[in-house]
Structures are given as C-alpha cells and as structure tokens.
PDB file of N, CA and C in Angstrom:
ATOM      1  N   MET A   1      15.639   6.843  27.742  1.00  0.00           N
ATOM      2  CA  MET A   1      15.920   6.302  26.434  1.00  0.00           C
ATOM      3  C   MET A   1      15.729   5.442  25.772  1.00  0.00           C
ATOM      4  N   ALA A   2      15.986   4.364  26.973  1.00  0.00           N
ATOM      5  CA  ALA A   2      16.220   2.704  26.606  1.00  0.00           C
ATOM      6  C   ALA A   2      14.179   2.626  26.567  1.00  0.00           C
ATOM      7  N   ASP A   3      13.285   2.969  26.346  1.00  0.00           N
ATOM      8  CA  ASP A   3      12.127   3.060  26.552  1.00  0.00           C
ATOM      9  C   ASP A   3      12.081   3.320  24.990  1.00  0.00           C
ATOM     10  N   LEU A   4      12.292   3.791  24.454  1.00  0.00           N
ATOM     11  CA  LEU A   4      11.963   4.896  22.781  1.00  0.00           C
ATOM     12  C   LEU A   4      12.759   3.204  21.798  1.00  0.00           C
ATOM     13  N   THR A   5      11.590   3.285  20.878  1.00  0.00           N
ATOM     14  CA  THR A   5      11.826   1.833  20.371  1.00  0.00           C
ATOM     15  C   THR A   5      10.975   2.372  18.842  1.00  0.00           C
ATOM     16  N   ILE A   6      12.288   1.205  17.505  1.00  0.00           N
ATOM     17  CA  ILE A   6      11.422   1.611  16.304  1.00  0.00           C
ATOM     18  C   ILE A   6       9.860   1.452  15.861  1.00  0.00           C
ATOM     19  N   ASP A   7       9.193   0.536  16.919  1.00  0.00           N
ATOM     20  CA  ASP A   7       8.300   0.443  16.593  1.00  0.00           C
ATOM     21  C   ASP A   7       7.259   1.352  17.547  1.00  0.00           C
ATOM     22  N   LYS A   8       7.221   2.572  18.696  1.00  0.00           N
ATOM     23  CA  LYS A   8       6.597   3.151  18.784  1.00  0.00           C
ATOM     24  C   LYS A   8       6.776   4.118  18.013  1.00  0.00           C
ATOM     25  N   VAL A   9       7.683   4.647  17.467  1.00  0.00           N
ATOM     26  CA  VAL A   9       8.173   5.612  16.572  1.00  0.00           C
ATOM     27  C   VAL A   9       7.305   5.449  15.086  1.00  0.00           C
ATOM     28  N   PHE A  10       7.419   4.150  14.098  1.00  0.00           N
ATOM     29  CA  PHE A  10       6.825   3.833  13.253  1.00  0.00           C
ATOM     30  C   PHE A  10       5.928   2.838  13.090  1.00  0.00           C
ATOM     31  N   SER A  11       5.111   3.430  14.061  1.00  0.00           N
ATOM     32  CA  SER A  11       3.577   1.754  14.083  1.00  0.00           C
ATOM     33  C   SER A  11       3.299   2.517  12.897  1.00  0.00           C
ATOM     34  N   SER A  12       2.646   1.871  12.453  1.00  0.00           N
ATOM     35  CA  SER A  12       1.756   2.116  10.750  1.00  0.00           C
ATOM     36  C   SER A  12       0.140   1.438  11.943  1.00  0.00           C
ATOM     37  N   PRO A  13      -0.802   1.839  11.018  1.00  0.00           N
ATOM     38  CA  PRO A  13      -2.414   1.821  11.722  1.00  0.00           C
ATOM     39  C   PRO A  13      -2.976   0.664  11.453  1.00  0.00           C
ATOM     40  N   LEU A  14      -2.348  -0.013  10.465  1.00  0.00           N
ATOM     41  CA  LEU A  14      -2.504  -1.319  10.231  1.00  0.00           C
ATOM     42  C   LEU A  14      -1.851  -2.054  10.910  1.00  0.00           C
ATOM     43  N   GLU A  15      -0.777  -2.026  11.454  1.00  0.00           N
ATOM     44  CA  GLU A  15      -0.023  -2.607  12.602  1.00  0.00           C
ATOM     45  C   GLU A  15      -0.891  -2.876  14.382  1.00  0.00           C
ATOM     46  N   LYS A  16      -1.520  -1.193  14.469  1.00  0.00           N
ATOM     47  CA  LYS A  16      -1.910  -1.460  14.884  1.00  0.00           C
ATOM     48  C   LYS A  16      -3.166  -2.239  15.593  1.00  0.00           C
ATOM     49  N   GLU A  17      -4.014  -1.735  14.451  1.00  0.00           N
ATOM     50  CA  GLU A  17      -5.244  -2.705  14.117  1.00  0.00           C
ATOM     51  C   GLU A  17      -5.481  -4.020  14.171  1.00  0.00           C
ATOM     52  N   ILE A  18      -4.055  -4.858  13.735  1.00  0.00           N
ATOM     53  CA  ILE A  18      -3.579  -6.521  14.125  1.00  0.00           C
ATOM     54  C   ILE A  18      -3.161  -6.589  15.080  1.00  0.00           C
ATOM     55  N   ARG A  19      -2.449  -5.706  16.071  1.00  0.00           N
ATOM     56  CA  ARG A  19      -2.666  -6.245  17.222  1.00  0.00           C
ATOM     57  C   ARG A  19      -3.758  -5.753  18.090  1.00  0.00           C
ATOM     58  N   GLU A  20      -4.038  -5.494  18.147  1.00  0.00           N
ATOM     59  CA  GLU A  20      -5.199  -4.851  18.876  1.00  0.00           C
ATOM     60  C   GLU A  20      -6.348  -6.007  19.020  1.00  0.00           C
ATOM     61  N   LYS A  21      -6.651  -6.651  17.720  1.00  0.00           N
ATOM     62  CA  LYS A  21      -7.868  -7.482  17.428  1.00  0.00           C
ATOM     63  C   LYS A  21      -7.111  -9.071  17.133  1.00  0.00           C
ATOM     64  N   GLN A  22      -7.718 -10.078  17.564  1.00  0.00           N
ATOM     65  CA  GLN A  22      -7.332 -11.337  17.485  1.00  0.00           C
ATOM     66  C   GLN A  22      -8.320 -11.815  15.832  1.00  0.00           C
ATOM     67  N   PRO A  23      -7.328 -12.542  15.123  1.00  0.00           N
ATOM     68  CA  PRO A  23      -7.793 -12.726  13.765  1.00  0.00           C
ATOM     69  C   PRO A  23      -8.227 -13.842  14.171  1.00  0.00           C
ATOM     70  N   SER A  24     -10.101 -13.587  13.684  1.00  0.00           N
ATOM     71  CA  SER A  24     -10.626 -14.329  14.092  1.00  0.00           C
ATOM     72  C   SER A  24     -10.823 -15.842  12.498  1.00  0.00           C
ATOM     73  N   LYS A  25     -10.977 -14.672  11.546  1.00  0.00           N
ATOM     74  CA  LYS A  25     -11.174 -15.672  10.117  1.00  0.00           C
ATOM     75  C   LYS A  25      -9.797 -14.927   9.142  1.00  0.00           C
ATOM     76  N   PRO A  26      -8.457 -15.492   8.819  1.00  0.00           N
ATOM     77  CA  PRO A  26      -7.676 -14.774   8.660  1.00  0.00           C
ATOM     78  C   PRO A  26      -7.855 -14.703   6.616  1.00  0.00           C
ATOM     79  N   LEU A  27      -8.412 -15.414   6.488  1.00  0.00           N
ATOM     80  CA  LEU A  27      -8.713 -14.743   5.241  1.00  0.00           C
ATOM     81  C   LEU A  27      -9.726 -13.674   4.420  1.00  0.00           C
ATOM     82  N   GLU A  28     -10.640 -13.440   5.115  1.00  0.00           N
ATOM     83  CA  GLU A  28     -11.215 -12.141   5.485  1.00  0.00           C
ATOM     84  C   GLU A  28     -10.561 -10.894   5.682  1.00  0.00           C
ATOM     85  N   ASP A  29      -9.364 -11.397   7.229  1.00  0.00           N
ATOM     86  CA  ASP A  29      -8.621 -10.268   7.076  1.00  0.00           C
ATOM     87  C   ASP A  29      -7.241 -10.429   5.971  1.00  0.00           C
ATOM     88  N   PHE A  30      -7.305 -10.723   5.265  1.00  0.00           N
ATOM     89  CA  PHE A  30      -6.703 -10.666   4.351  1.00  0.00           C
ATOM     90  C   PHE A  30      -7.606  -9.802   3.321  1.00  0.00           C
ATOM     91  N   ARG A  31      -8.286 -10.532   3.117  1.00  0.00           N
ATOM     92  CA  ARG A  31      -8.498  -9.778   1.791  1.00  0.00           C
ATOM     93  C   ARG A  31      -9.447  -8.290   2.117  1.00  0.00           C
ATOM     94  N   LYS A  32      -9.835  -8.366   3.352  1.00  0.00           N
ATOM     95  CA  LYS A  32      -9.816  -7.148   4.056  1.00  0.00           C
ATOM     96  C   LYS A  32      -8.310  -5.751   3.703  1.00  0.00           C
ATOM     97  N   ILE A  33      -7.315  -6.450   4.266  1.00  0.00           N
ATOM     98  CA  ILE A  33      -6.143  -5.908   3.929  1.00  0.00           C
ATOM     99  C   ILE A  33      -5.407  -5.599   2.834  1.00  0.00           C
ATOM    100  N   LEU A  34      -5.775  -6.513   1.170  1.00  0.00           N
ATOM    101  CA  LEU A  34      -5.241  -6.164   0.372  1.00  0.00           C
ATOM    102  C   LEU A  34      -6.644  -5.309  -0.273  1.00  0.00           C
ATOM    103  N   GLY A  35      -7.864  -5.430  -0.245  1.00  0.00           N
ATOM    104  CA  GLY A  35      -9.093  -4.488  -0.641  1.00  0.00           C
ATOM    105  C   GLY A  35      -8.738  -3.413  -0.524  1.00  0.00           C
ATOM    106  N   GLN A  36      -7.939  -2.525   1.198  1.00  0.00           N
ATOM    107  CA  GLN A  36      -8.136  -1.385   1.355  1.00  0.00           C
ATOM    108  C   GLN A  36      -6.549  -0.546   0.344  1.00  0.00           C
ATOM    109  N   SER A  37      -5.021  -2.357   0.716  1.00  0.00           N
ATOM    110  CA  SER A  37      -4.163  -1.480  -0.087  1.00  0.00           C
ATOM    111  C   SER A  37      -4.448  -0.834  -1.446  1.00  0.00           C
ATOM    112  N   ILE A  38      -5.509  -1.754  -2.457  1.00  0.00           N
ATOM    113  CA  ILE A  38      -5.888  -1.337  -3.901  1.00  0.00           C
ATOM    114  C   ILE A  38      -6.283   0.046  -3.812  1.00  0.00           C
ATOM    115  N   GLN A  39      -7.501  -0.025  -3.387  1.00  0.00           N
ATOM    116  CA  GLN A  39      -7.861   1.080  -2.852  1.00  0.00           C
ATOM    117  C   GLN A  39      -6.865   2.817  -2.461  1.00  0.00           C
ATOM    118  N   ASP A  40      -6.077   2.170  -1.804  1.00  0.00           N
ATOM    119  CA  ASP A  40      -5.127   3.164  -1.506  1.00  0.00           C
ATOM    120  C   ASP A  40      -4.175   4.104  -2.251  1.00  0.00           C
ATOM    121  N   VAL A  41      -3.762   2.766  -3.293  1.00  0.00           N
ATOM    122  CA  VAL A  41      -3.676   2.692  -4.249  1.00  0.00           C
ATOM    123  C   VAL A  41      -3.826   3.368  -5.693  1.00  0.00           C
ATOM    124  N   ASN A  42      -4.985   3.219  -5.415  1.00  0.00           N
ATOM    125  CA  ASN A  42      -5.823   4.123  -6.469  1.00  0.00           C
ATOM    126  C   ASN A  42      -5.907   5.152  -6.514  1.00  0.00           C
ATOM    127  N   GLY A  43      -6.224   5.421  -4.919  1.00  0.00           N
ATOM    128  CA  GLY A  43      -6.308   7.199  -4.661  1.00  0.00           C
ATOM    129  C   GLY A  43      -5.326   8.039  -4.185  1.00  0.00           C
ATOM    130  N   LEU A  44      -4.037   7.232  -4.645  1.00  0.00           N
ATOM    131  CA  LEU A  44      -2.927   8.492  -4.774  1.00  0.00           C
ATOM    132  C   LEU A  44      -2.921   8.215  -6.484  1.00  0.00           C
ATOM    133  N   LEU A  45      -2.889   7.070  -7.143  1.00  0.00           N
ATOM    134  CA  LEU A  45      -2.944   6.885  -8.750  1.00  0.00           C
ATOM    135  C   LEU A  45      -3.868   8.305  -9.112  1.00  0.00           C
ATOM    136  N   GLN A  46      -5.110   8.708  -8.213  1.00  0.00           N
ATOM    137  CA  GLN A  46      -6.717   9.237  -9.212  1.00  0.00           C
ATOM    138  C   GLN A  46      -5.797  11.143  -8.172  1.00  0.00           C
ATOM    139  N   GLN A  47      -4.625  11.109  -7.350  1.00  0.00           N
ATOM    140  CA  GLN A  47      -4.546  12.450  -7.059  1.00  0.00           C
ATOM    141  C   GLN A  47      -3.501  12.814  -7.920  1.00  0.00           C
ATOM    142  N   ALA A  48      -2.510  11.863  -8.469  1.00  0.00           N
ATOM    143  CA  ALA A  48      -1.560  12.538  -9.767  1.00  0.00           C
ATOM    144  C   ALA A  48      -2.390  13.355 -10.048  1.00  0.00           C
ATOM    145  N   ASP A  49      -3.091  12.204 -11.136  1.00  0.00           N
ATOM    146  CA  ASP A  49      -4.034  12.966 -11.514  1.00  0.00           C
ATOM    147  C   ASP A  49      -4.857  14.925 -12.257  1.00  0.00           C
ATOM    148  N   GLU A  50      -5.506  14.017 -10.229  1.00  0.00           N
ATOM    149  CA  GLU A  50      -5.771  15.749  -9.932  1.00  0.00           C
ATOM    150  C   GLU A  50      -4.696  16.677 -10.111  1.00  0.00           C
ATOM    151  N   ASP A  51      -3.261  16.068  -9.504  1.00  0.00           N
ATOM    152  CA  ASP A  51      -2.066  17.222  -9.317  1.00  0.00           C
ATOM    153  C   ASP A  51      -2.097  17.469 -11.047  1.00  0.00           C
ATOM    154  N   THR A  52      -1.449  16.881 -12.072  1.00  0.00           N
ATOM    155  CA  THR A  52      -1.349  17.237 -12.963  1.00  0.00           C
ATOM    156  C   THR A  52      -2.269  17.963 -13.747  1.00  0.00           C
ATOM    157  N   ARG A  53      -3.513  17.814 -13.952  1.00  0.00           N
ATOM    158  CA  ARG A  53      -4.841  18.972 -14.293  1.00  0.00           C
ATOM    159  C   ARG A  53      -4.323  19.758 -13.737  1.00  0.00           C
ATOM    160  N   ASP A  54      -3.886  20.129 -12.326  1.00  0.00           N
ATOM    161  CA  ASP A  54      -3.937  21.680 -11.653  1.00  0.00           C
ATOM    162  C   ASP A  54      -2.522  21.804 -12.415  1.00  0.00           C
ATOM    163  N   VAL A  55      -1.530  21.291 -12.572  1.00  0.00           N
ATOM    164  CA  VAL A  55      -0.151  22.111 -13.302  1.00  0.00           C
ATOM    165  C   VAL A  55      -0.329  22.641 -14.676  1.00  0.00           C
ATOM    166  N   ILE A  56      -1.573  21.975 -15.017  1.00  0.00           N
ATOM    167  CA  ILE A  56      -1.702  22.361 -16.200  1.00  0.00           C
ATOM    168  C   ILE A  56      -2.392  23.852 -16.839  1.00  0.00           C
ATOM    169  N   LEU A  57      -3.279  23.697 -15.678  1.00  0.00           N
ATOM    170  CA  LEU A  57      -4.184  24.891 -15.136  1.00  0.00           C
ATOM    171  C   LEU A  57      -3.476  26.408 -14.796  1.00  0.00           C
ATOM    172  N   GLY A  58      -1.820  25.709 -14.098  1.00  0.00           N
ATOM    173  CA  GLY A  58      -1.599  27.265 -13.189  1.00  0.00           C
ATOM    174  C   GLY A  58      -1.867  26.711 -11.807  1.00  0.00           C
ATOM    175  N   LYS A  59      -2.787  25.983 -11.514  1.00  0.00           N
ATOM    176  CA  LYS A  59      -3.181  26.060 -10.258  1.00  0.00           C
ATOM    177  C   LYS A  59      -1.716  25.920  -8.956  1.00  0.00           C
ATOM    178  N   LYS A  60      -1.497  24.613  -9.993  1.00  0.00           N
ATOM    179  CA  LYS A  60      -0.417  23.441  -8.775  1.00  0.00           C
ATOM    180  C   LYS A  60       0.749  23.494  -9.131  1.00  0.00           C
ATOM    181  N   ASP A  61       2.017  23.825  -8.184  1.00  0.00           N
ATOM    182  CA  ASP A  61       3.861  23.930  -8.380  1.00  0.00           C
ATOM    183  C   ASP A  61       4.014  22.777  -9.190  1.00  0.00           C
ATOM    184  N   VAL A  62       5.062  22.410 -10.390  1.00  0.00           N
ATOM    185  CA  VAL A  62       5.440  21.583 -11.125  1.00  0.00           C
ATOM    186  C   VAL A  62       5.425  19.890  -9.489  1.00  0.00           C
ATOM    187  N   HIS A  63       6.494  20.830  -8.889  1.00  0.00           N
ATOM    188  CA  HIS A  63       7.249  19.991  -8.214  1.00  0.00           C
ATOM    189  C   HIS A  63       6.426  19.069  -7.339  1.00  0.00           C
ATOM    190  N   GLN A  64       5.371  19.912  -6.539  1.00  0.00           N
ATOM    191  CA  GLN A  64       4.407  19.096  -6.025  1.00  0.00           C
ATOM    192  C   GLN A  64       3.344  18.118  -6.924  1.00  0.00           C
ATOM    193  N   ALA A  65       3.585  18.162  -7.811  1.00  0.00           N
ATOM    194  CA  ALA A  65       2.313  17.461  -8.872  1.00  0.00           C
ATOM    195  C   ALA A  65       3.645  16.228  -9.885  1.00  0.00           C
ATOM    196  N   MET A  66       5.043  16.971  -9.125  1.00  0.00           N
ATOM    197  CA  MET A  66       5.933  15.673  -9.844  1.00  0.00           C
ATOM    198  C   MET A  66       6.224  14.989  -9.092  1.00  0.00           C
ATOM    199  N   ILE A  67       6.379  15.524  -6.885  1.00  0.00           N
ATOM    200  CA  ILE A  67       6.319  14.714  -5.455  1.00  0.00           C
ATOM    201  C   ILE A  67       4.846  13.231  -5.688  1.00  0.00           C
ATOM    202  N   SER A  68       3.837  13.670  -6.297  1.00  0.00           N
ATOM    203  CA  SER A  68       2.046  13.246  -6.385  1.00  0.00           C
ATOM    204  C   SER A  68       2.841  12.213  -7.147  1.00  0.00           C
ATOM    205  N   ILE A  69       3.186  12.665  -8.261  1.00  0.00           N
ATOM    206  CA  ILE A  69       3.377  11.638  -9.528  1.00  0.00           C
ATOM    207  C   ILE A  69       4.208   9.998  -8.859  1.00  0.00           C
ATOM    208  N   GLU A  70       5.278  10.807  -8.543  1.00  0.00           N
ATOM    209  CA  GLU A  70       6.128   9.605  -8.199  1.00  0.00           C
ATOM    210  C   GLU A  70       5.872   8.459  -6.853  1.00  0.00           C
ATOM    211  N   ARG A  71       5.448   9.364  -5.675  1.00  0.00           N
ATOM    212  CA  ARG A  71       4.444   8.548  -5.110  1.00  0.00           C
ATOM    213  C   ARG A  71       3.412   7.905  -4.910  1.00  0.00           C
ATOM    214  N   ALA A  72       2.489   7.871  -6.456  1.00  0.00           N
ATOM    215  CA  ALA A  72       1.885   7.129  -6.993  1.00  0.00           C
ATOM    216  C   ALA A  72       2.347   6.188  -8.016  1.00  0.00           C
ATOM    217  N   HIS A  73       3.149   6.322  -8.818  1.00  0.00           N
ATOM    218  CA  HIS A  73       4.399   4.995  -9.182  1.00  0.00           C
ATOM    219  C   HIS A  73       4.984   4.471  -8.485  1.00  0.00           C
ATOM    220  N   LEU A  74       5.279   5.174  -6.961  1.00  0.00           N
ATOM    221  CA  LEU A  74       6.139   3.951  -6.121  1.00  0.00           C
ATOM    222  C   LEU A  74       5.703   2.737  -5.782  1.00  0.00           C
ATOM    223  N   SER A  75       3.733   3.345  -5.146  1.00  0.00           N
ATOM    224  CA  SER A  75       2.806   2.926  -4.964  1.00  0.00           C
ATOM    225  C   SER A  75       2.243   1.589  -5.731  1.00  0.00           C
ATOM    226  N   LEU A  76       2.389   2.021  -6.442  1.00  0.00           N
ATOM    227  CA  LEU A  76       1.633   1.112  -8.047  1.00  0.00           C
ATOM    228  C   LEU A  76       2.947  -0.309  -8.472  1.00  0.00           C
ATOM    229  N   ARG A  77       4.322   0.234  -8.155  1.00  0.00           N
ATOM    230  CA  ARG A  77       5.157  -0.780  -8.896  1.00  0.00           C
ATOM    231  C   ARG A  77       5.193  -1.782  -6.849  1.00  0.00           C
ATOM    232  N   LEU A  78       5.518  -1.175  -6.077  1.00  0.00           N
ATOM    233  CA  LEU A  78       5.025  -1.821  -4.866  1.00  0.00           C
ATOM    234  C   LEU A  78       3.798  -3.012  -5.210  1.00  0.00           C
ATOM    235  N   MET A  79       2.827  -2.350  -5.313  1.00  0.00           N
ATOM    236  CA  MET A  79       1.180  -3.625  -5.209  1.00  0.00           C
ATOM    237  C   MET A  79       1.920  -4.300  -6.405  1.00  0.00           C
ATOM    238  N   ILE A  80       2.464  -4.192  -6.933  1.00  0.00           N
ATOM    239  CA  ILE A  80       2.923  -5.788  -8.769  1.00  0.00           C
ATOM    240  C   ILE A  80       3.994  -6.158  -7.959  1.00  0.00           C
ATOM    241  N   GLN A  81       4.617  -6.052  -7.321  1.00  0.00           N
ATOM    242  CA  GLN A  81       5.718  -6.847  -6.653  1.00  0.00           C
ATOM    243  C   GLN A  81       4.935  -7.906  -5.806  1.00  0.00           C
ATOM    244  N   VAL A  82       3.891  -7.211  -4.917  1.00  0.00           N
ATOM    245  CA  VAL A  82       3.280  -7.866  -3.623  1.00  0.00           C
ATOM    246  C   VAL A  82       2.398  -9.065  -5.007  1.00  0.00           C
ATOM    247  N   ARG A  83       1.939  -8.595  -6.312  1.00  0.00           N
ATOM    248  CA  ARG A  83       1.380  -9.192  -6.234  1.00  0.00           C
ATOM    249  C   ARG A  83       2.041 -10.614  -6.983  1.00  0.00           C
ATOM    250  N   ASN A  84       3.443 -10.203  -7.334  1.00  0.00           N
ATOM    251  CA  ASN A  84       4.105 -11.332  -7.942  1.00  0.00           C
ATOM    252  C   ASN A  84       4.511 -12.583  -7.304  1.00  0.00           C
ATOM    253  N   LYS A  85       5.032 -11.519  -5.989  1.00  0.00           N
ATOM    254  CA  LYS A  85       4.663 -12.945  -4.898  1.00  0.00           C
ATOM    255  C   LYS A  85       3.867 -13.946  -4.238  1.00  0.00           C
ATOM    256  N   VAL A  86       2.791 -13.001  -4.284  1.00  0.00           N
ATOM    257  CA  VAL A  86       1.829 -13.744  -3.850  1.00  0.00           C
ATOM    258  C   VAL A  86       1.506 -14.966  -5.434  1.00  0.00           C
ATOM    259  N   ILE A  87       1.254 -14.731  -6.444  1.00  0.00           N
ATOM    260  CA  ILE A  87       0.834 -15.178  -7.860  1.00  0.00           C
ATOM    261  C   ILE A  87       1.977 -16.578  -7.883  1.00  0.00           C
ATOM    262  N   SER A  88       3.463 -16.083  -7.032  1.00  0.00           N
ATOM    263  CA  SER A  88       4.653 -17.198  -6.894  1.00  0.00           C
ATOM    264  C   SER A  88       4.423 -17.914  -6.052  1.00  0.00           C
ATOM    265  N   ALA A  89       4.114 -17.893  -5.246  1.00  0.00           N
ATOM    266  CA  ALA A  89       3.326 -18.555  -3.599  1.00  0.00           C
ATOM    267  C   ALA A  89       2.834 -19.588  -4.242  1.00  0.00           C
ATOM    268  N   TYR A  90       1.373 -19.048  -4.307  1.00  0.00           N
ATOM    269  CA  TYR A  90       0.753 -19.555  -4.819  1.00  0.00           C
ATOM    270  C   TYR A  90       1.277 -21.341  -6.367  1.00  0.00           C
ATOM    271  N   GLU A  91       1.600 -20.556  -7.626  1.00  0.00           N
ATOM    272  CA  GLU A  91       2.766 -21.460  -8.202  1.00  0.00           C
ATOM    273  C   GLU A  91       3.093 -22.805  -7.110  1.00  0.00           C
ATOM    274  N   GLU A  92       4.142 -22.097  -6.227  1.00  0.00           N
ATOM    275  CA  GLU A  92       4.936 -22.918  -5.158  1.00  0.00           C
ATOM    276  C   GLU A  92       4.043 -24.342  -4.624  1.00  0.00           C
ATOM    277  N   ILE A  93       2.512 -23.663  -3.969  1.00  0.00           N
ATOM    278  CA  ILE A  93       1.701 -24.581  -3.518  1.00  0.00           C
ATOM    279  C   ILE A  93       1.087 -25.491  -4.361  1.00  0.00           C
ATOM    280  N   MET A  94       1.504 -24.645  -5.520  1.00  0.00           N
ATOM    281  CA  MET A  94       0.777 -25.879  -6.957  1.00  0.00           C
ATOM    282  C   MET A  94       1.427 -27.014  -7.310  1.00  0.00           C
ATOM    283  N   ARG A  95       2.797 -26.577  -7.255  1.00  0.00           N
ATOM    284  CA  ARG A  95       3.560 -28.059  -7.611  1.00  0.00           C
ATOM    285  C   ARG A  95       3.769 -28.863  -6.528  1.00  0.00           C
ATOM    286  N   MET A  96       3.736 -28.477  -4.913  1.00  0.00           N
ATOM    287  CA  MET A  96       3.960 -29.683  -4.277  1.00  0.00           C
ATOM    288  C   MET A  96       3.041 -30.715  -4.302  1.00  0.00           C
ATOM    289  N   GLN A  97       3.918 -32.581  -3.901  1.00  0.00           N
ATOM    290  CA  GLN A  97       3.226 -33.420  -3.859  1.00  0.00           C
ATOM    291  C   GLN A  97       2.559 -33.427  -2.878  1.00  0.00           C
ATOM    292  N   ILE A  98       1.289 -33.906  -2.351  1.00  0.00           N
ATOM    293  CA  ILE A  98       0.121 -34.585  -1.467  1.00  0.00           C
ATOM    294  C   ILE A  98       0.875 -36.180  -1.157  1.00  0.00           C
TER     295      ILE A  98
END
C-alpha cells in the first residue's frame, strides 16, 4: 500500500510527456501545449453541438447531451481563466521597472 501514490493513479499524458523529455525550447513546448489545449476545447464544443443535434433528431439521450454540453462549458471556462491569468502575468511583467 505504501507504493501507491497519487501521481501513479492520476497521471495525465501531458505530465508523462513532460517528464520523459527534457524541454530544449521552452517557448515551443508552451506553444505546443497551448495549441493542443485549444484544440481539445474546440473538440469538446463540436461534440456538444453534435450531441445537441442528435437529441433534436431523437438519436441520443438528453442526459448524455447535457453531460457533453456541461463538459464543454467547463472546459471553455477553464481556458478563459487560464487566458486571464496569462494576461495578468504579462501585464505585471510589463509594469516591472528595469
């Protein structure tokens, strides 16, 4: 039981990729991670749209569509909060006196 850690249970593919390779270009890695995150959120939004259409056509259960819509909504809100934090950090760096 002692060898069971949270990292082993909840390890994400992104964390595994970061641990396996040493970042040679931090800006490129950040750009790649940010781009992948935007694509993931976009995919969730498109899936929510498809599920909504399927409910209207009677092909899908309302509960599954609502779960998909809420997942997309939460992901979008998280992305907006990350954007706000990045902008805030940039503004603080710009206020620094050299």
